[in-house]
């Protein structure tokens, strides 16, 4: 019996293509998580940070 592999998801900045093609400087890229430029995410590892991840990935739950 084959084991089920975990499903992974990745969110990229909406500006990734423009940055990769050299049309945009790294300082102008909107964050893939909070979608702001510059990034305004809560501190990594805090309940607010995990809540933002869950909202961005459309998962139920929230802070851990």
N, C-alpha and C. Protein backbone atom coordinates (compact mmCIF):
# COMPACT_ATOMS: atom_id res chain seq x y z
N UNK A 1 0.84 -1.18 0.00
CA UNK A 1 0.00 0.00 0.00
C UNK A 1 0.89 1.24 0.00
N UNK A 2 0.62 2.17 -0.88
CA UNK A 2 1.41 3.40 -0.99
C UNK A 2 1.00 4.37 0.10
N UNK A 3 2.00 5.03 0.68
CA UNK A 3 1.69 6.03 1.71
C UNK A 3 1.34 7.36 1.05
N UNK A 4 0.46 8.08 1.69
CA UNK A 4 0.04 9.38 1.16
C UNK A 4 1.11 10.43 1.50
N UNK A 5 1.55 11.15 0.48
CA UNK A 5 2.55 12.19 0.69
C UNK A 5 1.85 13.47 1.11
N UNK A 6 2.50 14.26 1.98
CA UNK A 6 1.89 15.53 2.39
C UNK A 6 1.79 16.48 1.20
N UNK A 7 0.73 17.27 1.20
CA UNK A 7 0.53 18.25 0.13
C UNK A 7 1.23 19.54 0.52
N UNK A 8 2.02 20.07 -0.39
CA UNK A 8 2.73 21.32 -0.14
C UNK A 8 2.14 22.41 -1.03
N UNK A 9 2.17 23.63 -0.53
CA UNK A 9 1.74 24.75 -1.35
C UNK A 9 2.76 25.87 -1.22
N UNK A 10 2.89 26.64 -2.27
CA UNK A 10 3.85 27.74 -2.30
C UNK A 10 3.14 28.97 -2.83
N UNK A 11 3.36 30.08 -2.18
CA UNK A 11 2.83 31.36 -2.65
C UNK A 11 4.03 32.21 -3.05
N UNK A 12 3.97 32.77 -4.23
CA UNK A 12 5.03 33.65 -4.71
C UNK A 12 4.54 35.09 -4.70
N UNK A 13 5.48 36.00 -4.58
CA UNK A 13 5.15 37.41 -4.69
C UNK A 13 4.51 37.68 -6.04
N UNK A 14 3.49 38.53 -6.08
CA UNK A 14 2.91 38.88 -7.37
C UNK A 14 3.91 39.63 -8.26
N UNK A 15 5.01 40.05 -7.70
CA UNK A 15 6.05 40.79 -8.44
C UNK A 15 7.22 39.90 -8.87
N UNK A 16 7.12 38.61 -8.62
CA UNK A 16 8.26 37.73 -8.88
C UNK A 16 8.73 37.79 -10.33
N UNK A 17 7.83 37.72 -11.27
CA UNK A 17 8.22 37.74 -12.69
C UNK A 17 8.94 39.03 -13.07
N UNK A 18 8.43 40.16 -12.59
CA UNK A 18 9.07 41.45 -12.89
C UNK A 18 10.47 41.52 -12.27
N UNK A 19 10.62 40.99 -11.07
CA UNK A 19 11.94 40.97 -10.43
C UNK A 19 12.89 40.04 -11.18
N UNK A 20 12.41 38.84 -11.51
CA UNK A 20 13.25 37.85 -12.19
C UNK A 20 13.69 38.33 -13.56
N UNK A 21 12.89 39.15 -14.21
CA UNK A 21 13.25 39.65 -15.54
C UNK A 21 14.08 40.93 -15.48
N UNK A 22 14.34 41.41 -14.26
CA UNK A 22 15.16 42.60 -14.11
C UNK A 22 14.40 43.91 -14.22
N UNK A 23 13.08 43.84 -14.31
CA UNK A 23 12.26 45.05 -14.43
C UNK A 23 12.04 45.75 -13.10
N UNK A 24 12.33 45.06 -12.00
CA UNK A 24 12.02 45.60 -10.68
C UNK A 24 13.17 45.30 -9.72
N UNK A 25 13.48 46.24 -8.88
CA UNK A 25 14.51 46.08 -7.85
C UNK A 25 13.95 45.26 -6.68
N UNK A 26 14.80 44.54 -6.00
CA UNK A 26 14.37 43.69 -4.89
C UNK A 26 13.66 44.48 -3.80
N UNK A 27 14.01 45.73 -3.62
CA UNK A 27 13.39 46.54 -2.56
C UNK A 27 11.93 46.88 -2.87
N UNK A 28 11.50 46.66 -4.09
CA UNK A 28 10.13 47.00 -4.50
C UNK A 28 9.19 45.79 -4.50
N UNK A 29 9.72 44.62 -4.27
CA UNK A 29 8.91 43.40 -4.34
C UNK A 29 7.93 43.32 -3.18
N UNK A 30 6.67 43.03 -3.51
CA UNK A 30 5.67 42.82 -2.46
C UNK A 30 5.90 41.45 -1.83
N UNK A 31 5.79 41.39 -0.52
CA UNK A 31 5.96 40.14 0.23
C UNK A 31 4.90 39.13 -0.21
N UNK A 32 5.30 37.89 -0.38
CA UNK A 32 4.35 36.84 -0.77
C UNK A 32 3.36 36.53 0.34
N UNK A 33 3.70 36.85 1.57
CA UNK A 33 2.82 36.53 2.69
C UNK A 33 1.88 37.69 3.04
N UNK A 34 2.45 38.87 3.30
CA UNK A 34 1.60 40.00 3.70
C UNK A 34 1.19 40.87 2.51
N UNK A 35 1.81 40.69 1.38
CA UNK A 35 1.57 41.40 0.11
C UNK A 35 1.92 42.89 0.16
N UNK A 36 2.71 43.31 1.14
CA UNK A 36 3.15 44.70 1.24
C UNK A 36 4.60 44.83 0.80
N UNK A 37 4.96 46.03 0.35
CA UNK A 37 6.35 46.33 0.02
C UNK A 37 6.70 47.65 0.71
N UNK A 38 7.63 47.64 1.62
CA UNK A 38 8.36 46.48 2.12
C UNK A 38 7.47 45.61 3.02
N UNK A 39 7.97 44.42 3.30
CA UNK A 39 7.25 43.44 4.11
C UNK A 39 6.85 44.04 5.46
N UNK A 40 5.63 43.72 5.87
CA UNK A 40 5.13 44.17 7.17
C UNK A 40 4.56 42.99 7.96
N UNK A 41 5.14 41.81 7.73
CA UNK A 41 4.68 40.61 8.44
C UNK A 41 4.94 40.73 9.94
N UNK A 42 4.10 40.06 10.74
CA UNK A 42 4.38 39.98 12.17
C UNK A 42 5.69 39.23 12.38
N UNK A 43 6.25 39.35 13.55
CA UNK A 43 7.51 38.68 13.85
C UNK A 43 7.37 37.17 13.63
N UNK A 44 8.40 36.58 12.99
CA UNK A 44 8.39 35.15 12.69
C UNK A 44 8.18 34.33 13.96
N UNK A 45 7.30 33.35 13.87
CA UNK A 45 7.07 32.42 14.97
C UNK A 45 5.99 32.85 15.96
N UNK A 46 5.48 34.07 15.83
CA UNK A 46 4.43 34.53 16.75
C UNK A 46 3.08 33.99 16.30
N UNK A 47 2.11 33.98 17.21
CA UNK A 47 0.76 33.54 16.82
C UNK A 47 0.20 34.34 15.65
N UNK A 48 0.46 35.66 15.62
CA UNK A 48 -0.02 36.49 14.51
C UNK A 48 0.60 36.06 13.19
N UNK A 49 1.86 35.67 13.21
CA UNK A 49 2.54 35.21 12.00
C UNK A 49 1.88 33.95 11.47
N UNK A 50 1.64 32.99 12.35
CA UNK A 50 1.02 31.73 11.91
C UNK A 50 -0.43 31.95 11.46
N UNK A 51 -1.12 32.90 12.09
CA UNK A 51 -2.47 33.23 11.65
C UNK A 51 -2.45 33.77 10.22
N UNK A 52 -1.48 34.63 9.93
CA UNK A 52 -1.33 35.19 8.59
C UNK A 52 -1.04 34.08 7.56
N UNK A 53 -0.19 33.15 7.92
CA UNK A 53 0.10 32.01 7.03
C UNK A 53 -1.18 31.23 6.75
N UNK A 54 -1.94 30.93 7.80
CA UNK A 54 -3.18 30.18 7.62
C UNK A 54 -4.16 30.93 6.73
N UNK A 55 -4.30 32.24 6.92
CA UNK A 55 -5.21 33.02 6.08
C UNK A 55 -4.73 33.03 4.63
N UNK A 56 -3.44 33.21 4.42
CA UNK A 56 -2.89 33.28 3.07
C UNK A 56 -3.06 31.96 2.32
N UNK A 57 -2.96 30.85 3.06
CA UNK A 57 -3.08 29.53 2.45
C UNK A 57 -4.50 28.98 2.58
N UNK A 58 -5.42 29.81 3.01
CA UNK A 58 -6.84 29.44 3.15
C UNK A 58 -7.04 28.20 4.00
N UNK A 59 -6.34 28.17 5.14
CA UNK A 59 -6.48 27.04 6.06
C UNK A 59 -7.23 27.52 7.29
N UNK A 60 -7.93 26.59 7.91
CA UNK A 60 -8.60 26.90 9.17
C UNK A 60 -7.57 26.79 10.28
N UNK A 61 -7.87 27.36 11.41
CA UNK A 61 -6.95 27.23 12.54
C UNK A 61 -6.58 28.58 13.06
N UNK A 62 -5.40 29.01 12.74
CA UNK A 62 -4.93 30.30 13.23
C UNK A 62 -3.63 30.13 13.96
N UNK A 63 -3.40 30.97 14.94
CA UNK A 63 -2.15 30.97 15.70
C UNK A 63 -1.88 29.66 16.39
N UNK A 64 -0.63 29.36 16.53
CA UNK A 64 -0.24 28.10 17.19
C UNK A 64 0.45 28.40 18.47
